Amino acid sequence: MEKEPEMYHSITFTKNGTRYNTWDDWRLIAASAPVIAPPVERTIQLNVPGRNGSVDLSQSLTGHPVFDVREGTWYFYADVDTLWDPDKASRPVGHGLSRMIAEKLMEFFNDGMSAEVRLEDDPGFYYTGRVWMSDKPDVDKNHPKLAINYRLYPYKFPEWSVEKDWVWDDFNFEGSPLAVPYLKNIEIKAEQKKAFFLPPSEKPAKINVTASGATLFSPAKAVLRMSRLYPYDEAKAKGLPAEEISRTIPGVSLFPMQIGSDLRYDVYELILSAAKDVVMNVSYEPAYF
């Protein structure tokens, strides 16, 4: 059996269990090692009459910097030698390959949802966003040259989850309702509910919840309540922004909840419940540049 050729510097796109890899699936060779553009801080400069220079209002609304999306283009050569089999003609090449990849990516993003993007050269992290095929394929060095554009969220997320307890000693949160006492081995009795306040985050962070013993017929439930200034019920009564996101378990890990990405909210309450006795774990997945 002929050994499958190997290639480095590939990119993988993943969403809802579907996966495409630029080399494994399309035999694309990166023109150079793919990188993702760093995020650029969004700035607001105000010129004031009679004053030298300008006033920087970039962080006046949030109190911390915010960033624009990461945008750029990756360039690839199509490996015609491995794509083209004159006996089987199993894969398209040239403009046919370009059209095929463009159609695959359009189909991949037809629901408007972001995908996870992983660089083989950055294995510890993944990015989220959209990618699409350039409409102008080229030829270079007698090989089809294709361009894939991307628009990705400013932050990237680690492949691992923080499974340890959160420690707030430096902030003296002992006895405060804003301290999560533990994140693992949370025992939930049948029909019981437990609520935990999560610390606000200036950067986006994903919350993953699992439940040992939960099944499709007897699921557990995680509800993330987000509000402004006050806990959810009180904020809602006062007419302040309040919203909740509900996830059932099993399956919640496919749709993690996220905090810190909506300026309307700064109070986060996680409510765990189950139809039968389960042990639940909460992992916190912070974002990075």
Protein backbone atom coordinates (compact mmCIF):
# COMPACT_ATOMS: atom_id res chain seq x y z
CA MET A 1 0.00 0.00 0.00
CA GLU A 2 1.42 3.37 -1.07
CA LYS A 3 2.15 5.70 1.83
CA GLU A 4 0.11 8.89 1.91
CA PRO A 5 2.38 11.93 1.32
CA GLU A 6 2.89 14.25 4.27
CA MET A 7 2.80 18.03 4.25
CA TYR A 8 3.51 20.67 6.86
CA HIS A 9 2.04 24.17 7.30
CA SER A 10 -1.53 23.09 6.68
CA ILE A 11 -4.72 24.72 8.01
CA THR A 12 -7.78 22.91 9.33
CA PHE A 13 -11.34 24.29 9.34
CA THR A 14 -13.81 22.60 11.71
CA LYS A 15 -17.49 23.17 12.39
CA ASN A 16 -20.24 20.91 13.75
CA GLY A 17 -18.17 17.78 13.20
CA THR A 18 -17.19 18.62 9.59
CA ARG A 19 -13.48 19.05 8.94
CA TYR A 20 -11.43 20.26 5.98
CA ASN A 21 -7.64 20.32 5.87
CA THR A 22 -5.84 22.26 3.17
CA TRP A 23 -3.41 19.41 2.51
CA ASP A 24 -5.29 16.24 3.45
CA ASP A 25 -8.41 17.18 1.50
CA TRP A 26 -7.24 19.59 -1.21
CA ARG A 27 -3.49 18.97 -1.62
CA LEU A 28 -2.63 22.63 -1.18
CA ILE A 29 0.99 23.55 -0.43
CA ALA A 30 1.43 26.80 1.49
CA ALA A 31 3.43 29.38 -0.48
CA SER A 32 4.92 30.33 2.90
CA ALA A 33 4.25 29.21 6.46
CA PRO A 34 0.70 30.44 7.17
CA VAL A 35 0.38 33.09 9.85
CA ILE A 36 -2.61 35.04 11.14
CA ALA A 37 -2.42 38.81 11.32
CA PRO A 38 -2.25 40.25 14.84
CA PRO A 39 -5.29 42.20 16.05
CA VAL A 40 -5.15 45.97 15.78
CA GLU A 41 -6.43 48.07 18.66
CA ARG A 42 -9.41 50.22 17.74
CA THR A 43 -8.59 53.82 18.56
CA ILE A 44 -10.67 57.00 18.81
CA GLN A 45 -8.79 60.30 18.58
CA LEU A 46 -10.72 63.54 19.13
CA ASN A 47 -9.35 66.88 18.05
CA VAL A 48 -10.35 69.61 20.50
CA PRO A 49 -10.29 73.24 19.26
CA GLY A 50 -7.67 75.30 21.07
CA ARG A 51 -5.83 72.26 22.40
CA ASN A 52 -2.57 70.79 21.19
CA GLY A 53 -2.65 67.25 19.91
CA SER A 54 -5.76 65.14 20.36
CA VAL A 55 -7.70 63.40 23.12
CA ASP A 56 -7.51 59.60 23.16
CA LEU A 57 -11.00 58.20 23.83
CA SER A 58 -10.17 54.64 22.79
CA GLN A 59 -10.92 53.13 26.21
CA SER A 60 -13.47 55.65 27.45
CA LEU A 61 -16.43 53.31 26.97
CA THR A 62 -14.95 49.99 28.09
CA GLY A 63 -12.06 50.92 30.38
CA HIS A 64 -9.87 48.49 28.43
CA PRO A 65 -8.69 48.20 24.81
CA VAL A 66 -10.88 46.65 22.12
CA PHE A 67 -9.61 45.24 18.86
CA ASP A 68 -10.64 44.91 15.24
CA VAL A 69 -10.91 41.50 13.58
CA ARG A 70 -7.85 39.76 12.20
CA GLU A 71 -7.90 39.95 8.41
CA GLY A 72 -5.58 38.60 5.77
CA THR A 73 -4.95 36.10 2.98
CA TRP A 74 -3.15 32.77 2.76
CA TYR A 75 -1.60 31.68 -0.55
CA PHE A 76 -1.27 28.07 -1.66
CA TYR A 77 0.03 26.12 -4.62
CA ALA A 78 -1.99 23.15 -5.84
CA ASP A 79 0.17 20.01 -5.88
CA VAL A 80 -0.85 18.88 -9.34
CA ASP A 81 1.40 15.83 -9.25
CA THR A 82 -0.48 14.21 -6.36
CA LEU A 83 -3.89 15.60 -7.36
CA TRP A 84 -3.90 14.32 -10.92
CA ASP A 85 -4.23 10.62 -11.54
CA PRO A 86 -4.63 10.00 -15.31
CA ASP A 87 -6.16 6.57 -14.68
CA LYS A 88 -8.71 7.70 -12.08
CA ALA A 89 -8.94 11.48 -12.53
CA SER A 90 -10.13 11.42 -8.94
CA ARG A 91 -9.56 15.07 -8.05
CA PRO A 92 -9.95 18.34 -9.97
CA VAL A 93 -6.96 20.59 -10.64
CA GLY A 94 -6.45 24.18 -11.75
CA HIS A 95 -9.61 26.27 -12.01
CA GLY A 96 -11.69 23.19 -11.27
CA LEU A 97 -9.93 22.82 -7.94
CA SER A 98 -10.45 26.51 -7.18
CA ARG A 99 -14.19 26.25 -7.89
CA MET A 100 -14.48 23.09 -5.80
CA ILE A 101 -12.80 24.67 -2.75
CA ALA A 102 -14.84 27.86 -3.15
CA GLU A 103 -18.05 25.81 -3.20
CA LYS A 104 -16.96 23.77 -0.18
CA LEU A 105 -16.22 26.91 1.82
CA MET A 106 -19.48 28.59 0.79
CA GLU A 107 -21.38 25.48 1.82
CA PHE A 108 -19.38 25.37 5.06
CA PHE A 109 -20.47 28.90 6.02
CA ASN A 110 -23.96 28.98 4.51
CA ASP A 111 -25.58 29.23 7.96
CA GLY A 112 -23.61 32.37 8.85
CA MET A 113 -21.88 30.69 11.78
CA SER A 114 -18.16 30.89 12.47
CA ALA A 115 -15.84 27.92 12.21
CA GLU A 116 -12.77 26.96 14.19
CA VAL A 117 -9.49 27.59 12.37
CA ARG A 118 -6.32 25.73 13.38
CA LEU A 119 -2.81 26.29 12.08
CA GLU A 120 -0.55 23.26 12.16
CA ASP A 121 2.25 25.67 13.13
CA ASP A 122 0.28 26.94 16.16
CA PRO A 123 -1.05 23.66 17.62
CA GLY A 124 -1.91 24.94 21.08
CA PHE A 125 -4.64 27.36 19.96
CA TYR A 126 -7.55 27.79 17.60
CA TYR A 127 -9.23 30.85 16.09
CA THR A 128 -12.87 31.48 15.20
CA GLY A 129 -14.25 33.27 12.17
CA ARG A 130 -14.95 32.95 8.47
CA VAL A 131 -12.81 32.04 5.47
CA TRP A 132 -13.55 32.22 1.76
CA MET A 133 -11.88 31.64 -1.57
CA SER A 134 -10.50 34.51 -3.63
CA ASP A 135 -12.28 34.82 -6.96
CA LYS A 136 -9.00 35.34 -8.85
CA PRO A 137 -6.91 32.15 -9.01
CA ASP A 138 -3.46 32.59 -10.57
CA VAL A 139 -0.64 30.47 -12.01
CA ASP A 140 2.89 30.65 -10.61
CA LYS A 141 5.84 28.35 -11.32
CA ASN A 142 3.51 26.29 -13.55
CA HIS A 143 1.30 25.50 -10.57
CA PRO A 144 -2.17 26.85 -9.84
CA LYS A 145 -1.88 29.45 -7.07
CA LEU A 146 -4.94 29.90 -4.88
CA ALA A 147 -5.76 32.53 -2.27
CA ILE A 148 -7.93 31.93 0.81
CA ASN A 149 -9.08 35.03 2.70
CA TYR A 150 -9.94 35.12 6.41
CA ARG A 151 -11.72 37.35 8.93
CA LEU A 152 -11.16 36.04 12.45
CA TYR A 153 -12.09 37.06 15.96
CA PRO A 154 -9.35 39.18 17.62
CA TYR A 155 -8.68 36.61 20.35
CA LYS A 156 -7.59 32.98 20.02
CA PHE A 157 -8.53 30.17 22.39
CA PRO A 158 -6.39 27.37 23.85
CA GLU A 159 -6.97 23.76 22.87
CA TRP A 160 -6.86 22.80 26.55
CA SER A 161 -9.30 23.79 29.28
CA VAL A 162 -8.41 25.18 32.67
CA GLU A 163 -9.52 22.29 34.87
CA LYS A 164 -8.17 23.68 38.14
CA ASP A 165 -10.05 25.69 40.73
CA TRP A 166 -10.04 29.44 40.31
CA VAL A 167 -8.06 31.09 43.10
CA TRP A 168 -9.02 34.59 44.16
CA ASP A 169 -6.80 35.06 47.23
CA ASP A 170 -5.12 38.14 45.79
CA PHE A 171 -8.53 39.80 45.47
CA ASN A 172 -9.76 38.71 48.89
CA PHE A 173 -12.95 37.21 47.49
CA GLU A 174 -13.40 34.91 50.49
CA GLY A 175 -17.04 34.97 51.51
CA SER A 176 -18.01 37.04 48.48
CA PRO A 177 -20.83 35.86 46.17
CA LEU A 178 -18.55 36.72 43.25
CA ALA A 179 -16.19 33.87 44.10
CA VAL A 180 -16.69 30.45 42.54
CA PRO A 181 -15.91 28.03 45.44
CA TYR A 182 -14.92 25.20 43.11
CA LEU A 183 -15.19 24.16 39.48
CA LYS A 184 -14.95 20.40 39.60
CA ASN A 185 -16.86 17.52 41.12
CA ILE A 186 -19.99 19.58 41.75
CA GLU A 187 -22.62 17.17 43.05
CA ILE A 188 -26.11 17.93 41.74
CA LYS A 189 -29.01 15.93 43.16
CA ALA A 190 -32.11 15.11 41.12
CA GLU A 191 -34.18 18.24 40.45
CA GLN A 192 -31.68 20.34 42.40
CA LYS A 193 -30.29 23.67 41.20
CA LYS A 194 -26.99 25.28 42.14
CA ALA A 195 -25.99 28.81 41.16
CA PHE A 196 -22.50 30.29 40.88
CA PHE A 197 -21.50 33.84 40.09
CA LEU A 198 -18.64 34.03 37.60
CA PRO A 199 -16.13 36.87 37.77
CA PRO A 200 -16.51 39.41 34.94
CA SER A 201 -13.88 39.32 32.24
CA GLU A 202 -12.40 42.10 30.12
CA LYS A 203 -11.42 39.48 27.57
CA PRO A 204 -13.79 36.89 26.14
CA ALA A 205 -13.78 33.54 27.90
CA LYS A 206 -15.60 30.30 27.11
CA ILE A 207 -17.38 28.26 29.76
CA ASN A 208 -17.62 24.51 29.16
CA VAL A 209 -19.81 22.31 31.35
CA THR A 210 -19.84 18.51 31.54
CA ALA A 211 -21.95 16.15 33.62
CA SER A 212 -20.93 12.63 34.57
CA GLY A 213 -24.00 10.39 34.51
CA ALA A 214 -26.15 12.60 32.29
CA THR A 215 -27.78 10.96 29.26
CA LEU A 216 -29.93 12.06 26.35
CA PHE A 217 -32.99 10.73 28.17
CA SER A 218 -31.95 12.14 31.53
CA PRO A 219 -29.94 15.27 30.73
CA ALA A 220 -28.34 17.89 32.90
CA LYS A 221 -28.71 21.58 32.21
CA ALA A 222 -26.50 24.66 32.37
CA VAL A 223 -27.97 28.15 32.15
CA LEU A 224 -25.73 31.20 31.85
CA ARG A 225 -27.55 34.33 33.02
CA MET A 226 -26.02 37.63 31.93
CA SER A 227 -27.08 41.01 33.28
CA ARG A 228 -25.99 44.57 33.87
CA LEU A 229 -24.97 45.91 37.31
CA TYR A 230 -27.32 43.59 39.24
CA PRO A 231 -28.04 39.83 39.34
CA TYR A 232 -30.31 38.65 36.54
CA ASP A 233 -33.70 38.80 38.31
CA GLU A 234 -33.08 42.22 39.82
CA ALA A 235 -31.63 43.66 36.62
CA LYS A 236 -34.60 42.40 34.64
CA ALA A 237 -37.02 43.96 37.15
CA LYS A 238 -35.19 47.28 36.81
CA GLY A 239 -35.39 47.16 33.02
CA LEU A 240 -31.63 46.71 32.60
CA PRO A 241 -30.10 44.41 29.97
CA ALA A 242 -30.60 40.76 30.92
CA GLU A 243 -30.32 37.59 28.86
CA GLU A 244 -29.85 33.89 29.43
CA ILE A 245 -28.34 31.07 27.40
CA SER A 246 -29.39 27.48 28.07
CA ARG A 247 -27.48 24.31 27.17
CA THR A 248 -28.37 20.68 27.77
CA ILE A 249 -25.79 18.02 28.56
CA PRO A 250 -24.60 15.79 26.85
CA GLY A 251 -23.67 18.00 23.91
CA VAL A 252 -22.96 21.26 25.67
CA SER A 253 -19.27 21.05 24.89
CA LEU A 254 -20.11 21.53 21.20
CA PHE A 255 -21.67 24.90 21.95
CA PRO A 256 -19.67 26.52 24.74
CA MET A 257 -21.06 29.59 26.45
CA GLN A 258 -19.05 32.77 26.26
CA ILE A 259 -18.68 35.72 28.60
CA GLY A 260 -16.95 39.05 28.25
CA SER A 261 -17.77 39.64 24.57
CA ASP A 262 -20.89 41.80 25.06
CA LEU A 263 -20.47 45.20 26.68
CA ARG A 264 -24.09 45.17 27.89
CA TYR A 265 -23.32 42.60 30.57
CA ASP A 266 -20.95 42.52 33.51
CA VAL A 267 -22.70 40.09 35.91
CA TYR A 268 -22.64 36.38 35.03
CA GLU A 269 -24.50 33.68 36.92
CA LEU A 270 -24.20 30.00 36.04
CA ILE A 271 -27.09 27.75 37.13
CA LEU A 272 -26.58 23.98 37.07
CA SER A 273 -29.37 21.42 37.37
CA ALA A 274 -30.12 17.80 36.48
CA ALA A 275 -32.98 15.34 36.19
CA LYS A 276 -31.06 12.78 38.28
CA ASP A 277 -27.97 12.70 40.48
CA VAL A 278 -24.90 13.77 38.51
CA VAL A 279 -21.42 15.18 39.09
CA MET A 280 -20.74 18.30 37.03
CA ASN A 281 -17.51 20.05 36.09
CA VAL A 282 -17.02 23.58 34.83
CA SER A 283 -13.90 24.55 32.89
CA TYR A 284 -12.92 28.08 32.06
CA GLU A 285 -11.25 28.73 28.70
CA PRO A 286 -9.73 32.21 28.55
CA ALA A 287 -8.79 33.92 25.30
CA TYR A 288 -5.30 34.98 24.26
CA PHE A 289 -3.67 37.11 21.59
